[in-house]
Amino acid sequence: DRQRKRSLVTCPVCASAKVEKTIMAPALGH
């Protein structure tokens, strides 16, 4: 959230900072 708010998360293909989480099946735990 912090990095996205500061536009530090960018697309590696087009460098767009307009990114969103996609629907995914994530894993819990380390």
mmCIF file of all heavy atoms, coordinates in Angstrom:
data_MODEL
# 
_entry.id   MODEL 
# 
loop_
_atom_site.group_PDB 
_atom_site.id 
_atom_site.type_symbol 
_atom_site.label_atom_id 
_atom_site.label_alt_id 
_atom_site.label_comp_id 
_atom_site.label_asym_id 
_atom_site.label_entity_id 
_atom_site.label_seq_id 
_atom_site.pdbx_PDB_ins_code 
_atom_site.Cartn_x 
_atom_site.Cartn_y 
_atom_site.Cartn_z 
_atom_site.occupancy 
_atom_site.B_iso_or_equiv 
_atom_site.pdbx_formal_charge 
_atom_site.auth_seq_id 
_atom_site.auth_comp_id 
_atom_site.auth_asym_id 
_atom_site.auth_atom_id 
_atom_site.pdbx_PDB_model_num 
ATOM 1   N N   . ASP A 1 1  ? 0.824   -1.212  0.000   1.00 0.00 ? 1  ASP A N   1 
ATOM 2   C CA  . ASP A 1 1  ? 0.000   0.000   0.000   1.00 0.00 ? 1  ASP A CA  1 
ATOM 3   C C   . ASP A 1 1  ? 0.859   1.264   0.000   1.00 0.00 ? 1  ASP A C   1 
ATOM 4   O O   . ASP A 1 1  ? 0.587   2.208   -0.742  1.00 0.00 ? 1  ASP A O   1 
ATOM 5   C CB  . ASP A 1 1  ? -0.939  0.013   1.207   1.00 0.00 ? 1  ASP A CB  1 
ATOM 6   C CG  . ASP A 1 1  ? -1.998  -1.082  1.135   1.00 0.00 ? 1  ASP A CG  1 
ATOM 7   O OD1 . ASP A 1 1  ? -2.344  -1.521  0.020   1.00 0.00 ? 1  ASP A OD1 1 
ATOM 8   O OD2 . ASP A 1 1  ? -2.475  -1.503  2.206   1.00 0.00 ? 1  ASP A OD2 1 
ATOM 9   N N   . ARG A 1 2  ? 1.909   1.267   0.836   1.00 0.00 ? 2  ARG A N   1 
ATOM 10  C CA  . ARG A 1 2  ? 2.798   2.445   0.899   1.00 0.00 ? 2  ARG A CA  1 
ATOM 11  C C   . ARG A 1 2  ? 3.493   2.681   -0.430  1.00 0.00 ? 2  ARG A C   1 
ATOM 12  O O   . ARG A 1 2  ? 3.532   3.805   -0.939  1.00 0.00 ? 2  ARG A O   1 
ATOM 13  C CB  . ARG A 1 2  ? 3.844   2.260   2.006   1.00 0.00 ? 2  ARG A CB  1 
ATOM 14  C CG  . ARG A 1 2  ? 3.359   2.575   3.400   1.00 0.00 ? 2  ARG A CG  1 
ATOM 15  C CD  . ARG A 1 2  ? 4.504   2.629   4.401   1.00 0.00 ? 2  ARG A CD  1 
ATOM 16  N NE  . ARG A 1 2  ? 5.235   1.379   4.503   1.00 0.00 ? 2  ARG A NE  1 
ATOM 17  C CZ  . ARG A 1 2  ? 4.903   0.364   5.285   1.00 0.00 ? 2  ARG A CZ  1 
ATOM 18  N NH1 . ARG A 1 2  ? 3.846   0.441   6.056   1.00 0.00 ? 2  ARG A NH1 1 
ATOM 19  N NH2 . ARG A 1 2  ? 5.622   -0.741  5.314   1.00 0.00 ? 2  ARG A NH2 1 
ATOM 20  N N   . GLN A 1 3  ? 4.059   1.613   -1.010  1.00 0.00 ? 3  GLN A N   1 
ATOM 21  C CA  . GLN A 1 3  ? 4.790   1.772   -2.270  1.00 0.00 ? 3  GLN A CA  1 
ATOM 22  C C   . GLN A 1 3  ? 3.870   2.186   -3.416  1.00 0.00 ? 3  GLN A C   1 
ATOM 23  O O   . GLN A 1 3  ? 4.235   3.023   -4.251  1.00 0.00 ? 3  GLN A O   1 
ATOM 24  C CB  . GLN A 1 3  ? 5.515   0.479   -2.630  1.00 0.00 ? 3  GLN A CB  1 
ATOM 25  C CG  . GLN A 1 3  ? 6.703   0.193   -1.737  1.00 0.00 ? 3  GLN A CG  1 
ATOM 26  C CD  . GLN A 1 3  ? 7.502   -0.990  -2.225  1.00 0.00 ? 3  GLN A CD  1 
ATOM 27  O OE1 . GLN A 1 3  ? 7.679   -1.176  -3.419  1.00 0.00 ? 3  GLN A OE1 1 
ATOM 28  N NE2 . GLN A 1 3  ? 8.003   -1.795  -1.287  1.00 0.00 ? 3  GLN A NE2 1 
ATOM 29  N N   . ARG A 1 4  ? 2.673   1.616   -3.452  1.00 0.00 ? 4  ARG A N   1 
ATOM 30  C CA  . ARG A 1 4  ? 1.726   1.960   -4.514  1.00 0.00 ? 4  ARG A CA  1 
ATOM 31  C C   . ARG A 1 4  ? 1.297   3.425   -4.391  1.00 0.00 ? 4  ARG A C   1 
ATOM 32  O O   . ARG A 1 4  ? 1.221   4.149   -5.378  1.00 0.00 ? 4  ARG A O   1 
ATOM 33  C CB  . ARG A 1 4  ? 0.507   1.053   -4.462  1.00 0.00 ? 4  ARG A CB  1 
ATOM 34  C CG  . ARG A 1 4  ? -0.445  1.299   -5.613  1.00 0.00 ? 4  ARG A CG  1 
ATOM 35  C CD  . ARG A 1 4  ? -1.577  0.286   -5.607  1.00 0.00 ? 4  ARG A CD  1 
ATOM 36  N NE  . ARG A 1 4  ? -2.570  0.703   -6.567  1.00 0.00 ? 4  ARG A NE  1 
ATOM 37  C CZ  . ARG A 1 4  ? -3.593  1.508   -6.309  1.00 0.00 ? 4  ARG A CZ  1 
ATOM 38  N NH1 . ARG A 1 4  ? -3.771  1.973   -5.094  1.00 0.00 ? 4  ARG A NH1 1 
ATOM 39  N NH2 . ARG A 1 4  ? -4.449  1.848   -7.243  1.00 0.00 ? 4  ARG A NH2 1 
ATOM 40  N N   . LYS A 1 5  ? 1.034   3.864   -3.158  1.00 0.00 ? 5  LYS A N   1 
ATOM 41  C CA  . LYS A 1 5  ? 0.603   5.250   -2.928  1.00 0.00 ? 5  LYS A CA  1 
ATOM 42  C C   . LYS A 1 5  ? 1.678   6.237   -3.402  1.00 0.00 ? 5  LYS A C   1 
ATOM 43  O O   . LYS A 1 5  ? 1.363   7.309   -3.922  1.00 0.00 ? 5  LYS A O   1 
ATOM 44  C CB  . LYS A 1 5  ? 0.320   5.458   -1.437  1.00 0.00 ? 5  LYS A CB  1 
ATOM 45  C CG  . LYS A 1 5  ? -0.326  6.801   -1.111  1.00 0.00 ? 5  LYS A CG  1 
ATOM 46  C CD  . LYS A 1 5  ? -0.580  6.932   0.362   1.00 0.00 ? 5  LYS A CD  1 
ATOM 47  C CE  . LYS A 1 5  ? -2.027  6.604   0.630   1.00 0.00 ? 5  LYS A CE  1 
ATOM 48  N NZ  . LYS A 1 5  ? -2.422  6.822   2.024   1.00 0.00 ? 5  LYS A NZ  1 
ATOM 49  N N   . ARG A 1 6  ? 2.951   5.857   -3.253  1.00 0.00 ? 6  ARG A N   1 
ATOM 50  C CA  . ARG A 1 6  ? 4.065   6.734   -3.661  1.00 0.00 ? 6  ARG A CA  1 
ATOM 51  C C   . ARG A 1 6  ? 4.469   6.512   -5.121  1.00 0.00 ? 6  ARG A C   1 
ATOM 52  O O   . ARG A 1 6  ? 5.486   7.020   -5.567  1.00 0.00 ? 6  ARG A O   1 
ATOM 53  C CB  . ARG A 1 6  ? 5.256   6.489   -2.748  1.00 0.00 ? 6  ARG A CB  1 
ATOM 54  C CG  . ARG A 1 6  ? 4.964   6.920   -1.310  1.00 0.00 ? 6  ARG A CG  1 
ATOM 55  C CD  . ARG A 1 6  ? 6.067   6.570   -0.337  1.00 0.00 ? 6  ARG A CD  1 
ATOM 56  N NE  . ARG A 1 6  ? 7.341   7.113   -0.736  1.00 0.00 ? 6  ARG A NE  1 
ATOM 57  C CZ  . ARG A 1 6  ? 8.515   6.605   -0.370  1.00 0.00 ? 6  ARG A CZ  1 
ATOM 58  N NH1 . ARG A 1 6  ? 8.568   5.555   0.423   1.00 0.00 ? 6  ARG A NH1 1 
ATOM 59  N NH2 . ARG A 1 6  ? 9.641   7.141   -0.783  1.00 0.00 ? 6  ARG A NH2 1 
ATOM 60  N N   . SER A 1 7  ? 3.667   5.720   -5.871  1.00 0.00 ? 7  SER A N   1 
ATOM 61  C CA  . SER A 1 7  ? 3.918   5.408   -7.288  1.00 0.00 ? 7  SER A CA  1 
ATOM 62  C C   . SER A 1 7  ? 5.252   4.702   -7.499  1.00 0.00 ? 7  SER A C   1 
ATOM 63  O O   . SER A 1 7  ? 5.898   4.873   -8.528  1.00 0.00 ? 7  SER A O   1 
ATOM 64  C CB  . SER A 1 7  ? 3.848   6.670   -8.145  1.00 0.00 ? 7  SER A CB  1 
ATOM 65  O OG  . SER A 1 7  ? 2.552   7.225   -8.085  1.00 0.00 ? 7  SER A OG  1 
ATOM 66  N N   . LEU A 1 8  ? 5.662   3.895   -6.512  1.00 0.00 ? 8  LEU A N   1 
ATOM 67  C CA  . LEU A 1 8  ? 6.904   3.140   -6.640  1.00 0.00 ? 8  LEU A CA  1 
ATOM 68  C C   . LEU A 1 8  ? 6.678   1.775   -7.286  1.00 0.00 ? 8  LEU A C   1 
ATOM 69  O O   . LEU A 1 8  ? 7.623   1.125   -7.704  1.00 0.00 ? 8  LEU A O   1 
ATOM 70  C CB  . LEU A 1 8  ? 7.558   2.958   -5.263  1.00 0.00 ? 8  LEU A CB  1 
ATOM 71  C CG  . LEU A 1 8  ? 7.989   4.242   -4.570  1.00 0.00 ? 8  LEU A CG  1 
ATOM 72  C CD1 . LEU A 1 8  ? 8.499   3.953   -3.165  1.00 0.00 ? 8  LEU A CD1 1 
ATOM 73  C CD2 . LEU A 1 8  ? 9.057   4.962   -5.396  1.00 0.00 ? 8  LEU A CD2 1 
ATOM 74  N N   . VAL A 1 9  ? 5.434   1.352   -7.360  1.00 0.00 ? 9  VAL A N   1 
ATOM 75  C CA  . VAL A 1 9  ? 5.101   0.081   -8.002  1.00 0.00 ? 9  VAL A CA  1 
ATOM 76  C C   . VAL A 1 9  ? 4.738   0.394   -9.440  1.00 0.00 ? 9  VAL A C   1 
ATOM 77  O O   . VAL A 1 9  ? 3.739   1.067   -9.709  1.00 0.00 ? 9  VAL A O   1 
ATOM 78  C CB  . VAL A 1 9  ? 3.919   -0.614  -7.286  1.00 0.00 ? 9  VAL A CB  1 
ATOM 79  C CG1 . VAL A 1 9  ? 3.597   -1.927  -7.961  1.00 0.00 ? 9  VAL A CG1 1 
ATOM 80  C CG2 . VAL A 1 9  ? 4.231   -0.820  -5.814  1.00 0.00 ? 9  VAL A CG2 1 
ATOM 81  N N   . THR A 1 10 ? 5.565   -0.077  -10.373 1.00 0.00 ? 10 THR A N   1 
ATOM 82  C CA  . THR A 1 10 ? 5.329   0.210   -11.781 1.00 0.00 ? 10 THR A CA  1 
ATOM 83  C C   . THR A 1 10 ? 5.384   -1.071  -12.608 1.00 0.00 ? 10 THR A C   1 
ATOM 84  O O   . THR A 1 10 ? 6.027   -2.050  -12.224 1.00 0.00 ? 10 THR A O   1 
ATOM 85  C CB  . THR A 1 10 ? 6.374   1.195   -12.336 1.00 0.00 ? 10 THR A CB  1 
ATOM 86  O OG1 . THR A 1 10 ? 7.673   0.641   -12.155 1.00 0.00 ? 10 THR A OG1 1 
ATOM 87  C CG2 . THR A 1 10 ? 6.292   2.538   -11.640 1.00 0.00 ? 10 THR A CG2 1 
ATOM 88  N N   . CYS A 1 11 ? 4.716   -1.035  -13.737 1.00 0.00 ? 11 CYS A N   1 
ATOM 89  C CA  . CYS A 1 11 ? 4.682   -2.167  -14.654 1.00 0.00 ? 11 CYS A CA  1 
ATOM 90  C C   . CYS A 1 11 ? 6.057   -2.337  -15.296 1.00 0.00 ? 11 CYS A C   1 
ATOM 91  O O   . CYS A 1 11 ? 6.621   -1.366  -15.813 1.00 0.00 ? 11 CYS A O   1 
ATOM 92  C CB  . CYS A 1 11 ? 3.620   -1.928  -15.726 1.00 0.00 ? 11 CYS A CB  1 
ATOM 93  S SG  . CYS A 1 11 ? 3.610   -3.175  -17.026 1.00 0.00 ? 11 CYS A SG  1 
ATOM 94  N N   . PRO A 1 12 ? 6.627   -3.548  -15.272 1.00 0.00 ? 12 PRO A N   1 
ATOM 95  C CA  . PRO A 1 12 ? 7.938   -3.759  -15.885 1.00 0.00 ? 12 PRO A CA  1 
ATOM 96  C C   . PRO A 1 12 ? 7.894   -3.698  -17.418 1.00 0.00 ? 12 PRO A C   1 
ATOM 97  O O   . PRO A 1 12 ? 8.932   -3.541  -18.057 1.00 0.00 ? 12 PRO A O   1 
ATOM 98  C CB  . PRO A 1 12 ? 8.326   -5.156  -15.412 1.00 0.00 ? 12 PRO A CB  1 
ATOM 99  C CG  . PRO A 1 12 ? 7.048   -5.833  -15.070 1.00 0.00 ? 12 PRO A CG  1 
ATOM 100 C CD  . PRO A 1 12 ? 6.111   -4.751  -14.626 1.00 0.00 ? 12 PRO A CD  1 
ATOM 101 N N   . VAL A 1 13 ? 6.710   -3.763  -18.014 1.00 0.00 ? 13 VAL A N   1 
ATOM 102 C CA  . VAL A 1 13 ? 6.590   -3.732  -19.469 1.00 0.00 ? 13 VAL A CA  1 
ATOM 103 C C   . VAL A 1 13 ? 6.466   -2.305  -19.979 1.00 0.00 ? 13 VAL A C   1 
ATOM 104 O O   . VAL A 1 13 ? 7.187   -1.897  -20.882 1.00 0.00 ? 13 VAL A O   1 
ATOM 105 C CB  . VAL A 1 13 ? 5.373   -4.577  -19.939 1.00 0.00 ? 13 VAL A CB  1 
ATOM 106 C CG1 . VAL A 1 13 ? 5.189   -4.489  -21.442 1.00 0.00 ? 13 VAL A CG1 1 
ATOM 107 C CG2 . VAL A 1 13 ? 5.514   -6.016  -19.493 1.00 0.00 ? 13 VAL A CG2 1 
ATOM 108 N N   . CYS A 1 14 ? 5.544   -1.522  -19.383 1.00 0.00 ? 14 CYS A N   1 
ATOM 109 C CA  . CYS A 1 14 ? 5.281   -0.178  -19.907 1.00 0.00 ? 14 CYS A CA  1 
ATOM 110 C C   . CYS A 1 14 ? 5.593   0.944   -18.911 1.00 0.00 ? 14 CYS A C   1 
ATOM 111 O O   . CYS A 1 14 ? 5.420   2.109   -19.222 1.00 0.00 ? 14 CYS A O   1 
ATOM 112 C CB  . CYS A 1 14 ? 3.836   -0.067  -20.360 1.00 0.00 ? 14 CYS A CB  1 
ATOM 113 S SG  . CYS A 1 14 ? 2.626   -0.201  -19.015 1.00 0.00 ? 14 CYS A SG  1 
ATOM 114 N N   . ALA A 1 15 ? 6.006   0.587   -17.692 1.00 0.00 ? 15 ALA A N   1 
ATOM 115 C CA  . ALA A 1 15 ? 6.378   1.540   -16.640 1.00 0.00 ? 15 ALA A CA  1 
ATOM 116 C C   . ALA A 1 15 ? 5.200   2.336   -16.077 1.00 0.00 ? 15 ALA A C   1 
ATOM 117 O O   . ALA A 1 15 ? 5.395   3.315   -15.372 1.00 0.00 ? 15 ALA A O   1 
ATOM 118 C CB  . ALA A 1 15 ? 7.487   2.485   -17.106 1.00 0.00 ? 15 ALA A CB  1 
ATOM 119 N N   . SER A 1 16 ? 3.995   1.911   -16.357 1.00 0.00 ? 16 SER A N   1 
ATOM 120 C CA  . SER A 1 16 ? 2.815   2.593   -15.809 1.00 0.00 ? 16 SER A CA  1 
ATOM 121 C C   . SER A 1 16 ? 2.758   2.379   -14.299 1.00 0.00 ? 16 SER A C   1 
ATOM 122 O O   . SER A 1 16 ? 3.003   1.289   -13.796 1.00 0.00 ? 16 SER A O   1 
ATOM 123 C CB  . SER A 1 16 ? 1.541   2.042   -16.453 1.00 0.00 ? 16 SER A CB  1 
ATOM 124 O OG  . SER A 1 16 ? 0.404   2.573   -15.804 1.00 0.00 ? 16 SER A OG  1 
ATOM 125 N N   . ALA A 1 17 ? 2.431   3.446   -13.568 1.00 0.00 ? 17 ALA A N   1 
ATOM 126 C CA  . ALA A 1 17 ? 2.270   3.342   -12.115 1.00 0.00 ? 17 ALA A CA  1 
ATOM 127 C C   . ALA A 1 17 ? 0.811   3.102   -11.737 1.00 0.00 ? 17 ALA A C   1 
ATOM 128 O O   . ALA A 1 17 ? 0.489   3.008   -10.561 1.00 0.00 ? 17 ALA A O   1 
ATOM 129 C CB  . ALA A 1 17 ? 2.793   4.610   -11.443 1.00 0.00 ? 17 ALA A CB  1 
ATOM 130 N N   . LYS A 1 18 ? -0.059  2.988   -12.728 1.00 0.00 ? 18 LYS A N   1 
ATOM 131 C CA  . LYS A 1 18 ? -1.472  2.710   -12.481 1.00 0.00 ? 18 LYS A CA  1 
ATOM 132 C C   . LYS A 1 18 ? -1.646  1.195   -12.434 1.00 0.00 ? 18 LYS A C   1 
ATOM 133 O O   . LYS A 1 18 ? -1.953  0.569   -13.446 1.00 0.00 ? 18 LYS A O   1 
ATOM 134 C CB  . LYS A 1 18 ? -2.339  3.320   -13.566 1.00 0.00 ? 18 LYS A CB  1 
ATOM 135 C CG  . LYS A 1 18 ? -2.296  4.831   -13.586 1.00 0.00 ? 18 LYS A CG  1 
ATOM 136 C CD  . LYS A 1 18 ? -3.140  5.395   -14.712 1.00 0.00 ? 18 LYS A CD  1 
ATOM 137 C CE  . LYS A 1 18 ? -3.037  6.913   -14.748 1.00 0.00 ? 18 LYS A CE  1 
ATOM 138 N NZ  . LYS A 1 18 ? -3.745  7.456   -15.898 1.00 0.00 ? 18 LYS A NZ  1 
ATOM 139 N N   . VAL A 1 19 ? -1.418  0.612   -11.244 1.00 0.00 ? 19 VAL A N   1 
ATOM 140 C CA  . VAL A 1 19 ? -1.489  -0.837  -11.080 1.00 0.00 ? 19 VAL A CA  1 
ATOM 141 C C   . VAL A 1 19 ? -2.522  -1.193  -10.020 1.00 0.00 ? 19 VAL A C   1 
ATOM 142 O O   . VAL A 1 19 ? -2.778  -0.417  -9.104  1.00 0.00 ? 19 VAL A O   1 
ATOM 143 C CB  . VAL A 1 19 ? -0.117  -1.447  -10.713 1.00 0.00 ? 19 VAL A CB  1 
ATOM 144 C CG1 . VAL A 1 19 ? 0.894   -1.231  -11.818 1.00 0.00 ? 19 VAL A CG1 1 
ATOM 145 C CG2 . VAL A 1 19 ? 0.398   -0.897  -9.412  1.00 0.00 ? 19 VAL A CG2 1 
ATOM 146 N N   . GLU A 1 20 ? -3.093  -2.370  -10.169 1.00 0.00 ? 20 GLU A N   1 
ATOM 147 C CA  . GLU A 1 20 ? -4.079  -2.891  -9.226  1.00 0.00 ? 20 GLU A CA  1 
ATOM 148 C C   . GLU A 1 20 ? -3.777  -4.362  -8.981  1.00 0.00 ? 20 GLU A C   1 
ATOM 149 O O   . GLU A 1 20 ? -3.218  -5.042  -9.838  1.00 0.00 ? 20 GLU A O   1 
ATOM 150 C CB  . GLU A 1 20 ? -5.497  -2.762  -9.797  1.00 0.00 ? 20 GLU A CB  1 
ATOM 151 C CG  . GLU A 1 20 ? -5.969  -1.342  -10.013 1.00 0.00 ? 20 GLU A CG  1 
ATOM 152 C CD  . GLU A 1 20 ? -6.217  -0.585  -8.724  1.00 0.00 ? 20 GLU A CD  1 
ATOM 153 O OE1 . GLU A 1 20 ? -6.577  -1.224  -7.711  1.00 0.00 ? 20 GLU A OE1 1 
ATOM 154 O OE2 . GLU A 1 20 ? -6.057  0.646   -8.723  1.00 0.00 ? 20 GLU A OE2 1 
ATOM 155 N N   . LYS A 1 21 ? -4.187  -4.858  -7.815  1.00 0.00 ? 21 LYS A N   1 
ATOM 156 C CA  . LYS A 1 21 ? -4.094  -6.284  -7.529  1.00 0.00 ? 21 LYS A CA  1 
ATOM 157 C C   . LYS A 1 21 ? -5.088  -7.012  -8.423  1.00 0.00 ? 21 LYS A C   1 
ATOM 158 O O   . LYS A 1 21 ? -6.167  -6.508  -8.687  1.00 0.00 ? 21 LYS A O   1 
ATOM 159 C CB  . LYS A 1 21 ? -4.449  -6.585  -6.073  1.00 0.00 ? 21 LYS A CB  1 
ATOM 160 C CG  . LYS A 1 21 ? -3.489  -6.042  -5.068  1.00 0.00 ? 21 LYS A CG  1 
ATOM 161 C CD  . LYS A 1 21 ? -3.989  -6.425  -3.682  1.00 0.00 ? 21 LYS A CD  1 
ATOM 162 C CE  . LYS A 1 21 ? -3.399  -5.541  -2.619  1.00 0.00 ? 21 LYS A CE  1 
ATOM 163 N NZ  . LYS A 1 21 ? -4.006  -5.783  -1.318  1.00 0.00 ? 21 LYS A NZ  1 
ATOM 164 N N   . THR A 1 22 ? -4.711  -8.205  -8.874  1.00 0.00 ? 22 THR A N   1 
ATOM 165 C CA  . THR A 1 22 ? -5.643  -9.024  -9.636  1.00 0.00 ? 22 THR A CA  1 
ATOM 166 C C   . THR A 1 22 ? -6.228  -10.074 -8.716  1.00 0.00 ? 22 THR A C   1 
ATOM 167 O O   . THR A 1 22 ? -5.716  -10.319 -7.620  1.00 0.00 ? 22 THR A O   1 
ATOM 168 C CB  . THR A 1 22 ? -4.949  -9.725  -10.819 1.00 0.00 ? 22 THR A CB  1 
ATOM 169 O OG1 . THR A 1 22 ? -3.970  -10.629 -10.308 1.00 0.00 ? 22 THR A OG1 1 
ATOM 170 C CG2 . THR A 1 22 ? -4.302  -8.726  -11.756 1.00 0.00 ? 22 THR A CG2 1 
ATOM 171 N N   . ILE A 1 23 ? -7.288  -10.721 -9.166  1.00 0.00 ? 23 ILE A N   1 
ATOM 172 C CA  . ILE A 1 23 ? -7.858  -11.834 -8.408  1.00 0.00 ? 23 ILE A CA  1 
ATOM 173 C C   . ILE A 1 23 ? -6.840  -12.953 -8.445  1.00 0.00 ? 23 ILE A C   1 
ATOM 174 O O   . ILE A 1 23 ? -6.329  -13.303 -9.498  1.00 0.00 ? 23 ILE A O   1 
ATOM 175 C CB  . ILE A 1 23 ? -9.177  -12.318 -9.050  1.00 0.00 ? 23 ILE A CB  1 
ATOM 176 C CG1 . ILE A 1 23 ? -10.168 -11.173 -9.148  1.00 0.00 ? 23 ILE A CG1 1 
ATOM 177 C CG2 . ILE A 1 23 ? -9.721  -13.515 -8.304  1.00 0.00 ? 23 ILE A CG2 1 
ATOM 178 C CD1 . ILE A 1 23 ? -10.879 -10.860 -7.874  1.00 0.00 ? 23 ILE A CD1 1 
ATOM 179 N N   . MET A 1 24 ? -6.533  -13.505 -7.296  1.00 0.00 ? 24 MET A N   1 
ATOM 180 C CA  . MET A 1 24 ? -5.544  -14.573 -7.240  1.00 0.00 ? 24 MET A CA  1 
ATOM 181 C C   . MET A 1 24 ? -5.860  -15.500 -6.088  1.00 0.00 ? 24 MET A C   1 
ATOM 182 O O   . MET A 1 24 ? -6.658  -15.172 -5.224  1.00 0.00 ? 24 MET A O   1 
ATOM 183 C CB  . MET A 1 24 ? -4.141  -13.993 -7.099  1.00 0.00 ? 24 MET A CB  1 
ATOM 184 C CG  . MET A 1 24 ? -3.946  -13.147 -5.870  1.00 0.00 ? 24 MET A CG  1 
ATOM 185 S SD  . MET A 1 24 ? -2.305  -12.439 -5.821  1.00 0.00 ? 24 MET A SD  1 
ATOM 186 C CE  . MET A 1 24 ? -2.321  -11.698 -4.220  1.00 0.00 ? 24 MET A CE  1 
ATOM 187 N N   . ALA A 1 25 ? -5.204  -16.642 -6.094  1.00 0.00 ? 25 ALA A N   1 
ATOM 188 C CA  . ALA A 1 25 ? -5.322  -17.595 -5.002  1.00 0.00 ? 25 ALA A CA  1 
ATOM 189 C C   . ALA A 1 25 ? -4.027  -17.530 -4.214  1.00 0.00 ? 25 ALA A C   1 
ATOM 190 O O   . ALA A 1 25 ? -3.083  -18.229 -4.489  1.00 0.00 ? 25 ALA A O   1 
ATOM 191 C CB  . ALA A 1 25 ? -5.554  -19.001 -5.529  1.00 0.00 ? 25 ALA A CB  1 
ATOM 192 N N   . PRO A 1 26 ? -3.936  -16.631 -3.242  1.00 0.00 ? 26 PRO A N   1 
ATOM 193 C CA  . PRO A 1 26 ? -2.694  -16.431 -2.510  1.00 0.00 ? 26 PRO A CA  1 
ATOM 194 C C   . PRO A 1 26 ? -2.423  -17.496 -1.452  1.00 0.00 ? 26 PRO A C   1 
ATOM 195 O O   . PRO A 1 26 ? -3.282  -18.295 -1.118  1.00 0.00 ? 26 PRO A O   1 
ATOM 196 C CB  . PRO A 1 26 ? -2.884  -15.067 -1.861  1.00 0.00 ? 26 PRO A CB  1 
ATOM 197 C CG  . PRO A 1 26 ? -4.310  -14.761 -1.935  1.00 0.00 ? 26 PRO A CG  1 
ATOM 198 C CD  . PRO A 1 26 ? -4.956  -15.695 -2.909  1.00 0.00 ? 26 PRO A CD  1 
ATOM 199 N N   . ALA A 1 27 ? -1.217  -17.486 -0.900  1.00 0.00 ? 27 ALA A N   1 
ATOM 200 C CA  . ALA A 1 27 ? -0.791  -18.444 0.119   1.00 0.00 ? 27 ALA A CA  1 
ATOM 201 C C   . ALA A 1 27 ? -0.610  -17.735 1.442   1.00 0.00 ? 27 ALA A C   1 
ATOM 202 O O   . ALA A 1 27 ? -0.082  -16.643 1.499   1.00 0.00 ? 27 ALA A O   1 
ATOM 203 C CB  . ALA A 1 27 ? 0.525   -19.077 -0.293  1.00 0.00 ? 27 ALA A CB  1 
ATOM 204 N N   . LEU A 1 28 ? -1.021  -18.346 2.541   1.00 0.00 ? 28 LEU A N   1 
ATOM 205 C CA  . LEU A 1 28 ? -0.897  -17.771 3.865   1.00 0.00 ? 28 LEU A CA  1 
ATOM 206 C C   . LEU A 1 28 ? 0.280   -18.399 4.564   1.00 0.00 ? 28 LEU A C   1 
ATOM 207 O O   . LEU A 1 28 ? 0.465   -19.597 4.508   1.00 0.00 ? 28 LEU A O   1 
ATOM 208 C CB  . LEU A 1 28 ? -2.183  -18.018 4.666   1.00 0.00 ? 28 LEU A CB  1 
ATOM 209 C CG  . LEU A 1 28 ? -2.208  -17.507 6.082   1.00 0.00 ? 28 LEU A CG  1 
ATOM 210 C CD1 . LEU A 1 28 ? -2.086  -15.991 6.095   1.00 0.00 ? 28 LEU A CD1 1 
ATOM 211 C CD2 . LEU A 1 28 ? -3.491  -17.907 6.772   1.00 0.00 ? 28 LEU A CD2 1 
ATOM 212 N N   . GLY A 1 29 ? 1.077   -17.587 5.231   1.00 0.00 ? 29 GLY A N   1 
ATOM 213 C CA  . GLY A 1 29 ? 2.179   -18.136 6.012   1.00 0.00 ? 29 GLY A CA  1 
ATOM 214 C C   . GLY A 1 29 ? 3.511   -17.836 5.363   1.00 0.00 ? 29 GLY A C   1 
ATOM 215 O O   . GLY A 1 29 ? 3.607   -17.408 4.229   1.00 0.00 ? 29 GLY A O   1 
ATOM 216 N N   . HIS A 1 30 ? 4.559   -18.101 6.121   1.00 0.00 ? 30 HIS A N   1 
ATOM 217 C CA  . HIS A 1 30 ? 5.893   -17.813 5.625   1.00 0.00 ? 30 HIS A CA  1 
ATOM 218 C C   . HIS A 1 30 ? 6.660   -19.077 5.283   1.00 0.00 ? 30 HIS A C   1 
ATOM 219 O O   . HIS A 1 30 ? 7.789   -19.020 4.847   1.00 0.00 ? 30 HIS A O   1 
ATOM 220 C CB  . HIS A 1 30 ? 6.663   -16.966 6.618   1.00 0.00 ? 30 HIS A CB  1 
ATOM 221 C CG  . HIS A 1 30 ? 6.802   -17.615 7.984   1.00 0.00 ? 30 HIS A CG  1 
ATOM 222 N ND1 . HIS A 1 30 ? 6.436   -18.910 8.254   1.00 0.00 ? 30 HIS A ND1 1 
ATOM 223 C CD2 . HIS A 1 30 ? 7.251   -17.130 9.152   1.00 0.00 ? 30 HIS A CD2 1 
ATOM 224 C CE1 . HIS A 1 30 ? 6.680   -19.180 9.534   1.00 0.00 ? 30 HIS A CE1 1 
ATOM 225 N NE2 . HIS A 1 30 ? 7.152   -18.109 10.089  1.00 0.00 ? 30 HIS A NE2 1 
# 
